[in-house]
C-alpha atoms as a PDB file:
ATOM      1  CA  UNK A   1     186.464 119.884 -73.743  1.00  0.00           C
ATOM      2  CA  UNK A   2     187.716 121.748 -70.629  1.00  0.00           C
ATOM      3  CA  UNK A   3     185.173 120.419 -68.149  1.00  0.00           C
ATOM      4  CA  UNK A   4     187.279 117.334 -67.464  1.00  0.00           C
ATOM      5  CA  UNK A   5     190.172 119.467 -66.146  1.00  0.00           C
ATOM      6  CA  UNK A   6     188.513 122.632 -64.791  1.00  0.00           C
ATOM      7  CA  UNK A   7     185.549 123.793 -62.746  1.00  0.00           C
ATOM      8  CA  UNK A   8     183.641 126.799 -64.125  1.00  0.00           C
ATOM      9  CA  UNK A   9     182.618 129.918 -62.195  1.00  0.00           C
ATOM     10  CA  UNK A  10     181.002 133.194 -63.246  1.00  0.00           C
ATOM     11  CA  UNK A  11     179.594 136.544 -62.098  1.00  0.00           C
ATOM     12  CA  UNK A  12     176.078 137.706 -62.982  1.00  0.00           C
ATOM     13  CA  UNK A  13     175.679 141.061 -64.677  1.00  0.00           C
ATOM     14  CA  UNK A  14     172.953 143.366 -65.917  1.00  0.00           C
ATOM     15  CA  UNK A  15     173.433 145.798 -68.785  1.00  0.00           C
ATOM     16  CA  UNK A  16     171.036 148.520 -69.873  1.00  0.00           C
ATOM     17  CA  UNK A  17     171.341 151.998 -71.340  1.00  0.00           C
ATOM     18  CA  UNK A  18     169.731 153.702 -68.329  1.00  0.00           C
ATOM     19  CA  UNK A  19     171.593 152.077 -65.416  1.00  0.00           C
ATOM     20  CA  UNK A  20     174.706 150.906 -67.259  1.00  0.00           C
ATOM     21  CA  UNK A  21     176.621 147.845 -66.209  1.00  0.00           C
ATOM     22  CA  UNK A  22     175.966 146.242 -62.828  1.00  0.00           C
ATOM     23  CA  UNK A  23     177.536 143.111 -61.300  1.00  0.00           C
ATOM     24  CA  UNK A  24     176.305 141.276 -58.215  1.00  0.00           C
ATOM     25  CA  UNK A  25     179.918 140.309 -57.280  1.00  0.00           C
ATOM     26  CA  UNK A  26     178.845 136.828 -56.184  1.00  0.00           C
ATOM     27  CA  UNK A  27     180.916 134.004 -57.605  1.00  0.00           C
ATOM     28  CA  UNK A  28     178.643 131.242 -58.860  1.00  0.00           C
ATOM     29  CA  UNK A  29     179.634 127.734 -59.842  1.00  0.00           C
ATOM     30  CA  UNK A  30     178.812 126.655 -63.377  1.00  0.00           C
ATOM     31  CA  UNK A  31     178.588 128.375 -66.749  1.00  0.00           C
ATOM     32  CA  UNK A  32     176.969 131.782 -67.157  1.00  0.00           C
ATOM     33  CA  UNK A  33     173.447 131.659 -68.566  1.00  0.00           C
ATOM     34  CA  UNK A  34     173.506 135.256 -69.855  1.00  0.00           C
ATOM     35  CA  UNK A  35     174.674 136.322 -73.285  1.00  0.00           C
ATOM     36  CA  UNK A  36     175.330 140.046 -72.913  1.00  0.00           C
ATOM     37  CA  UNK A  37     178.377 140.490 -75.171  1.00  0.00           C
ATOM     38  CA  UNK A  38     176.513 142.654 -77.724  1.00  0.00           C
ATOM     39  CA  UNK A  39     174.933 144.780 -74.985  1.00  0.00           C
ATOM     40  CA  UNK A  40     178.353 145.229 -73.383  1.00  0.00           C
ATOM     41  CA  UNK A  41     179.844 146.382 -76.708  1.00  0.00           C
ATOM     42  CA  UNK A  42     176.997 148.876 -77.196  1.00  0.00           C
ATOM     43  CA  UNK A  43     177.466 150.125 -73.628  1.00  0.00           C
ATOM     44  CA  UNK A  44     181.164 150.897 -74.184  1.00  0.00           C
ATOM     45  CA  UNK A  45     180.424 152.657 -77.492  1.00  0.00           C
ATOM     46  CA  UNK A  46     181.163 150.196 -80.277  1.00  0.00           C
ATOM     47  CA  UNK A  47     179.307 150.719 -83.538  1.00  0.00           C
ATOM     48  CA  UNK A  48     176.326 148.451 -84.217  1.00  0.00           C
ATOM     49  CA  UNK A  49     177.987 147.288 -87.496  1.00  0.00           C
ATOM     50  CA  UNK A  50     180.452 145.168 -85.529  1.00  0.00           C
END
């Protein structure tokens, strides 16, 4: 719905319990291919029930 009016950009990230959260800080054109929302919530301490 928005693609007609906007261009999409994103940052890449990696999330793991050993190294934490890491971004590459490179702006990329398009839509992010990662789906790390649950890993991000776990990383910041949310309960798994959510």
